[in-house]
Structures are given as C-alpha cells and as structure tokens.
Amino acid sequence: MNDDHAEDTLLICRALGGVPGASAARMTGLDGVAGEYAAEVGGEEVAVRIPWSQPLTERAEIRREVVRMYREACERLGVEPHAEH
C-alpha cells in the first residue's frame, strides 16, 4: 500500500481523515473497524484513524474498502481517479 499507492493514501487522509493540509501519509496498521495512518501536517507526524464503511472480517475486503475510500476521496476533492481504480 505505502510503496505503490502513496498518493492515493495521501488523498484518503486529506479527504476522509480530517487532515486536508497533509503533505504526506502512510498506512501504519488496520483492524476490522478502521485503517490507521500517519500523516505529515506542518512538519509534524499526526496519527489518523479512518473507519471502514462497515466492519471487515476477511482479508479480501480490505482492498475493496481502500479502493472505495480512494474513489470517495477523489470525489470529495474533485480529483479524477486513476483508471485502474
């Protein structure tokens, strides 16, 4: 996630994580309820927790949910999503 989708993660944190001024972000963990991120805001690292749209119980659900979050973030920010998403 962090290596291949750094810009996607940043958009998610800006739009859904309450850190619109973030300059960088990375996923640090997850559980069945939310994804956990570290965002850089004004030179400081800030912990961000973004709940999934519903509880996740299977590994395969994670990718689908992150893609959903990315699309929602793009919509909120007025950014065109990548074709592969």
C-alpha atoms as a PDB file:
ATOM      1  CA  MET A   1       0.000   0.000   0.000  1.00  0.00           C
ATOM      2  CA  ASN A   2       2.637   2.549   1.025  1.00  0.00           C
ATOM      3  CA  ASP A   3       5.107   1.812  -1.771  1.00  0.00           C
ATOM      4  CA  ASP A   4       2.628   1.530  -4.629  1.00  0.00           C
ATOM      5  CA  HIS A   5      -0.121   3.927  -3.553  1.00  0.00           C
ATOM      6  CA  ALA A   6       1.439   6.792  -1.581  1.00  0.00           C
ATOM      7  CA  GLU A   7      -0.536   9.470  -3.455  1.00  0.00           C
ATOM      8  CA  ASP A   8      -3.773   7.509  -3.020  1.00  0.00           C
ATOM      9  CA  THR A   9      -3.135   7.234   0.726  1.00  0.00           C
ATOM     10  CA  LEU A  10      -2.493  10.966   0.920  1.00  0.00           C
ATOM     11  CA  LEU A  11      -5.791  11.732  -0.848  1.00  0.00           C
ATOM     12  CA  ILE A  12      -7.659   9.398   1.534  1.00  0.00           C
ATOM     13  CA  CYS A  13      -6.163  11.098   4.588  1.00  0.00           C
ATOM     14  CA  ARG A  14      -6.802  14.593   3.241  1.00  0.00           C
ATOM     15  CA  ALA A  15     -10.433  13.936   2.310  1.00  0.00           C
ATOM     16  CA  LEU A  16     -11.568  11.373   4.894  1.00  0.00           C
ATOM     17  CA  GLY A  17      -9.093  11.704   7.751  1.00  0.00           C
ATOM     18  CA  GLY A  18      -9.582  15.316   8.723  1.00  0.00           C
ATOM     19  CA  VAL A  19      -6.100  16.435   7.670  1.00  0.00           C
ATOM     20  CA  PRO A  20      -6.687  18.455   4.475  1.00  0.00           C
ATOM     21  CA  GLY A  21      -3.254  20.103   4.799  1.00  0.00           C
ATOM     22  CA  ALA A  22      -1.298  16.847   4.925  1.00  0.00           C
ATOM     23  CA  SER A  23       1.772  16.762   2.682  1.00  0.00           C
ATOM     24  CA  ALA A  24       2.457  13.017   3.025  1.00  0.00           C
ATOM     25  CA  ALA A  25       0.733   9.982   4.502  1.00  0.00           C
ATOM     26  CA  ARG A  26       1.325   6.281   5.011  1.00  0.00           C
ATOM     27  CA  MET A  27      -0.752   3.417   6.339  1.00  0.00           C
ATOM     28  CA  THR A  28       0.576   2.167   9.669  1.00  0.00           C
ATOM     29  CA  GLY A  29      -1.970  -0.505  10.541  1.00  0.00           C
ATOM     30  CA  LEU A  30      -5.535  -1.671  10.375  1.00  0.00           C
ATOM     31  CA  ASP A  31      -8.142  -3.711  12.148  1.00  0.00           C
ATOM     32  CA  GLY A  32     -11.676  -4.794  11.355  1.00  0.00           C
ATOM     33  CA  VAL A  33     -13.057  -1.354  12.157  1.00  0.00           C
ATOM     34  CA  ALA A  34     -10.608   1.159  10.655  1.00  0.00           C
ATOM     35  CA  GLY A  35      -7.369   1.893   8.861  1.00  0.00           C
ATOM     36  CA  GLU A  36      -4.593   3.660  10.745  1.00  0.00           C
ATOM     37  CA  TYR A  37      -2.325   6.202   9.105  1.00  0.00           C
ATOM     38  CA  ALA A  38       0.494   8.603   9.883  1.00  0.00           C
ATOM     39  CA  ALA A  39       0.121  11.932   8.097  1.00  0.00           C
ATOM     40  CA  GLU A  40       2.617  14.758   7.925  1.00  0.00           C
ATOM     41  CA  VAL A  41       0.962  18.077   8.680  1.00  0.00           C
ATOM     42  CA  GLY A  42       3.068  21.209   9.024  1.00  0.00           C
ATOM     43  CA  GLY A  43       6.219  19.167   9.567  1.00  0.00           C
ATOM     44  CA  GLU A  44       4.619  17.100  12.347  1.00  0.00           C
ATOM     45  CA  GLU A  45       3.502  13.477  12.159  1.00  0.00           C
ATOM     46  CA  VAL A  46      -0.162  13.082  13.110  1.00  0.00           C
ATOM     47  CA  ALA A  47      -1.954   9.792  13.794  1.00  0.00           C
ATOM     48  CA  VAL A  48      -5.113   9.392  11.714  1.00  0.00           C
ATOM     49  CA  ARG A  49      -7.721   6.654  12.103  1.00  0.00           C
ATOM     50  CA  ILE A  50     -10.334   6.328   9.380  1.00  0.00           C
ATOM     51  CA  PRO A  51     -13.238   3.930   9.935  1.00  0.00           C
ATOM     52  CA  TRP A  52     -14.267   1.498   7.211  1.00  0.00           C
ATOM     53  CA  SER A  53     -17.784   1.882   5.831  1.00  0.00           C
ATOM     54  CA  GLN A  54     -18.649  -1.373   7.628  1.00  0.00           C
ATOM     55  CA  PRO A  55     -16.752  -3.867   9.814  1.00  0.00           C
ATOM     56  CA  LEU A  56     -14.355  -6.032   7.796  1.00  0.00           C
ATOM     57  CA  THR A  57     -13.948  -9.705   8.603  1.00  0.00           C
ATOM     58  CA  GLU A  58     -11.982 -11.072   5.632  1.00  0.00           C
ATOM     59  CA  ARG A  59      -8.648 -10.009   4.161  1.00  0.00           C
ATOM     60  CA  ALA A  60     -10.108  -9.652   0.643  1.00  0.00           C
ATOM     61  CA  GLU A  61     -12.478  -6.953   1.917  1.00  0.00           C
ATOM     62  CA  ILE A  62      -9.588  -4.628   2.755  1.00  0.00           C
ATOM     63  CA  ARG A  63      -8.582  -3.912  -0.841  1.00  0.00           C
ATOM     64  CA  ARG A  64     -12.187  -3.306  -1.896  1.00  0.00           C
ATOM     65  CA  GLU A  65     -12.695  -0.913   1.001  1.00  0.00           C
ATOM     66  CA  VAL A  66      -9.482   1.018   0.333  1.00  0.00           C
ATOM     67  CA  VAL A  67     -10.470   1.387  -3.332  1.00  0.00           C
ATOM     68  CA  ARG A  68     -13.909   2.628  -2.222  1.00  0.00           C
ATOM     69  CA  MET A  69     -12.263   5.128   0.113  1.00  0.00           C
ATOM     70  CA  TYR A  70      -9.922   6.298  -2.649  1.00  0.00           C
ATOM     71  CA  ARG A  71     -12.841   6.880  -5.016  1.00  0.00           C
ATOM     72  CA  GLU A  72     -14.768   8.757  -2.324  1.00  0.00           C
ATOM     73  CA  ALA A  73     -11.705  10.880  -1.560  1.00  0.00           C
ATOM     74  CA  CYS A  74     -11.280  11.734  -5.243  1.00  0.00           C
ATOM     75  CA  GLU A  75     -14.926  12.718  -5.495  1.00  0.00           C
ATOM     76  CA  ARG A  76     -14.747  14.940  -2.414  1.00  0.00           C
ATOM     77  CA  LEU A  77     -11.542  16.599  -3.607  1.00  0.00           C
ATOM     78  CA  GLY A  78     -12.592  16.935  -7.243  1.00  0.00           C
ATOM     79  CA  VAL A  79      -9.721  14.736  -8.446  1.00  0.00           C
ATOM     80  CA  GLU A  80     -10.021  12.306 -11.354  1.00  0.00           C
ATOM     81  CA  PRO A  81      -9.332   8.739 -10.068  1.00  0.00           C
ATOM     82  CA  HIS A  82      -6.694   6.559 -11.738  1.00  0.00           C
ATOM     83  CA  ALA A  83      -8.090   4.239 -14.410  1.00  0.00           C
ATOM     84  CA  GLU A  84      -7.008   1.109 -12.510  1.00  0.00           C
ATOM     85  CA  HIS A  85      -9.159   2.014  -9.507  1.00  0.00           C
END
